[in-house]
Protein backbone atom coordinates (compact mmCIF):
# COMPACT_ATOMS: atom_id res chain seq x y z
CA MET A 1 47.76 -116.21 43.35
CA LYS A 2 51.59 -115.41 43.75
CA ASN A 3 52.96 -111.79 42.72
CA THR A 4 56.46 -112.72 41.79
CA LEU A 5 57.95 -109.22 40.93
CA LYS A 6 56.90 -108.16 44.07
CA GLN A 7 58.41 -111.29 45.25
CA ASN A 8 62.03 -110.21 43.45
CA TYR A 9 62.05 -107.07 44.75
CA TYR A 10 61.75 -108.22 48.35
CA SER A 11 64.41 -110.51 47.74
CA LEU A 12 66.93 -108.02 47.58
CA GLU A 13 68.57 -107.55 51.03
CA LYS A 14 69.70 -104.52 51.50
CA THR A 15 73.28 -103.51 53.71
CA ASP A 16 71.03 -100.75 55.16
CA ASP A 17 68.62 -98.26 53.88
CA PHE A 18 71.14 -94.97 53.03
CA THR A 19 74.68 -96.91 52.26
CA ARG A 20 75.80 -95.07 49.68
CA ALA A 21 79.16 -95.57 47.88
CA GLU A 22 81.33 -93.45 45.36
CA LEU A 23 83.41 -95.28 42.22
CA LYS A 24 85.90 -94.11 40.77
CA PRO A 25 87.61 -96.65 38.01
CA ASN A 26 91.14 -96.31 36.97
CA GLY A 27 91.63 -93.50 34.15
CA TYR A 28 87.80 -91.82 34.64
CA ASP A 29 88.37 -88.48 36.22
CA LEU A 30 84.42 -88.31 37.72
CA TYR A 31 82.98 -91.06 40.64
CA TYR A 32 79.73 -92.52 40.37
CA LEU A 33 77.37 -92.50 43.00
CA VAL A 34 75.66 -95.98 43.22
CA LYS A 35 73.59 -97.96 46.19
CA LEU A 36 74.98 -101.04 47.91
CA ARG A 37 73.48 -103.95 48.50
CA LYS A 38 73.53 -107.28 49.79
CA LEU A 39 71.69 -110.04 47.36
CA LYS A 40 71.35 -113.42 48.78
CA GLY A 41 73.69 -116.14 47.48
CA LYS A 42 75.42 -113.07 45.22
CA GLY A 43 77.50 -111.10 47.85
CA VAL A 44 78.18 -107.42 48.06
CA GLY A 45 77.35 -105.30 44.98
CA PHE A 46 74.81 -102.62 42.55
CA PHE A 47 72.67 -102.50 39.68
CA ILE A 48 73.92 -100.57 36.82
CA LYS A 49 72.26 -100.25 33.25
CA GLN A 50 73.90 -101.05 30.13
CA ASP A 51 74.09 -97.09 28.86
CA SER A 52 75.17 -95.68 32.20
CA VAL A 53 78.70 -93.50 31.68
CA ILE A 54 80.91 -95.72 33.41
CA PHE A 55 79.42 -99.10 32.49
CA ASN A 56 82.27 -99.68 29.20
CA LYS A 57 85.37 -99.04 32.44
CA LEU A 58 83.92 -101.80 34.06
CA GLU A 59 85.24 -105.47 33.88
CA ALA A 60 85.92 -108.97 36.35
CA GLY A 61 89.05 -108.15 38.32
CA LYS A 62 89.35 -104.51 37.91
CA VAL A 63 90.12 -102.29 40.91
CA LEU A 64 87.97 -99.09 41.85
CA GLU A 65 88.32 -96.56 44.08
CA MET A 66 85.41 -96.58 46.46
CA LYS A 67 84.06 -94.21 48.95
CA TYR A 68 81.52 -95.11 51.05
CA TRP A 69 78.72 -93.68 53.79
CA THR A 70 75.97 -94.81 55.76
CA ARG A 71 73.19 -92.58 57.50
CA ARG A 72 74.22 -90.92 59.71
CA ALA A 73 76.87 -89.74 57.68
CA THR A 74 76.62 -86.72 55.40
CA LYS A 75 80.18 -87.27 53.46
CA PRO A 76 82.06 -90.46 52.61
CA VAL A 77 83.55 -91.88 56.12
CA LYS A 78 86.13 -94.22 54.47
CA SER A 79 88.21 -94.74 51.07
CA ILE A 80 89.02 -98.37 50.15
CA LYS A 81 89.95 -100.13 47.07
CA VAL A 82 87.34 -102.89 45.82
CA LYS A 83 87.73 -105.67 42.75
CA VAL A 84 84.85 -106.26 40.45
CA LYS A 85 84.28 -109.94 41.14
CA ASN A 86 81.96 -110.05 38.46
CA ILE A 87 78.95 -108.63 36.34
CA LYS A 88 75.67 -110.26 35.53
CA LYS A 89 72.40 -109.50 33.27
CA GLN A 90 69.86 -109.72 35.04
CA ASN A 91 66.96 -110.74 33.10
CA ARG A 92 63.93 -110.80 35.86
CA GLU A 93 61.43 -108.07 34.65
CA LEU A 94 61.43 -106.11 37.55
CA LEU A 95 65.70 -106.02 36.55
CA ASN A 96 65.64 -106.03 33.22
CA GLY A 97 68.28 -103.81 31.27
CA HIS A 98 70.37 -103.86 34.39
CA TYR A 99 73.58 -105.60 35.21
CA TRP A 100 74.79 -106.79 38.76
CA VAL A 101 78.03 -105.69 39.59
CA CYS A 102 79.72 -107.91 42.22
CA ILE A 103 82.29 -106.80 43.99
CA SER A 104 85.02 -107.42 47.27
CA VAL A 105 87.08 -105.61 49.47
CA LEU A 106 90.53 -105.49 49.01
CA ARG A 107 92.80 -105.90 52.17
CA VAL A 108 95.03 -103.14 52.86
């Protein structure tokens, strides 16, 4: 018998176990910390709960300031602008109540 919960969890491809980002929507004073992930066939983004403090500040097409860092860095290493491509509710048991926010980096 297959364990679908376990399979769903392991199907998440992380960009790096320690890739973190601080997001700041326009008109919002605080940065919000997320863990960036790469999902097969869904691009790069992060999971967020609907009751999160910035959930209502996110929408498709919205541009965000983002600072990120990786395993070796102790503080953000780069500041870029990203655009929210889409937001999709997750219905799988493991991710129930979460939304997938797919982002793309804007060319500078």
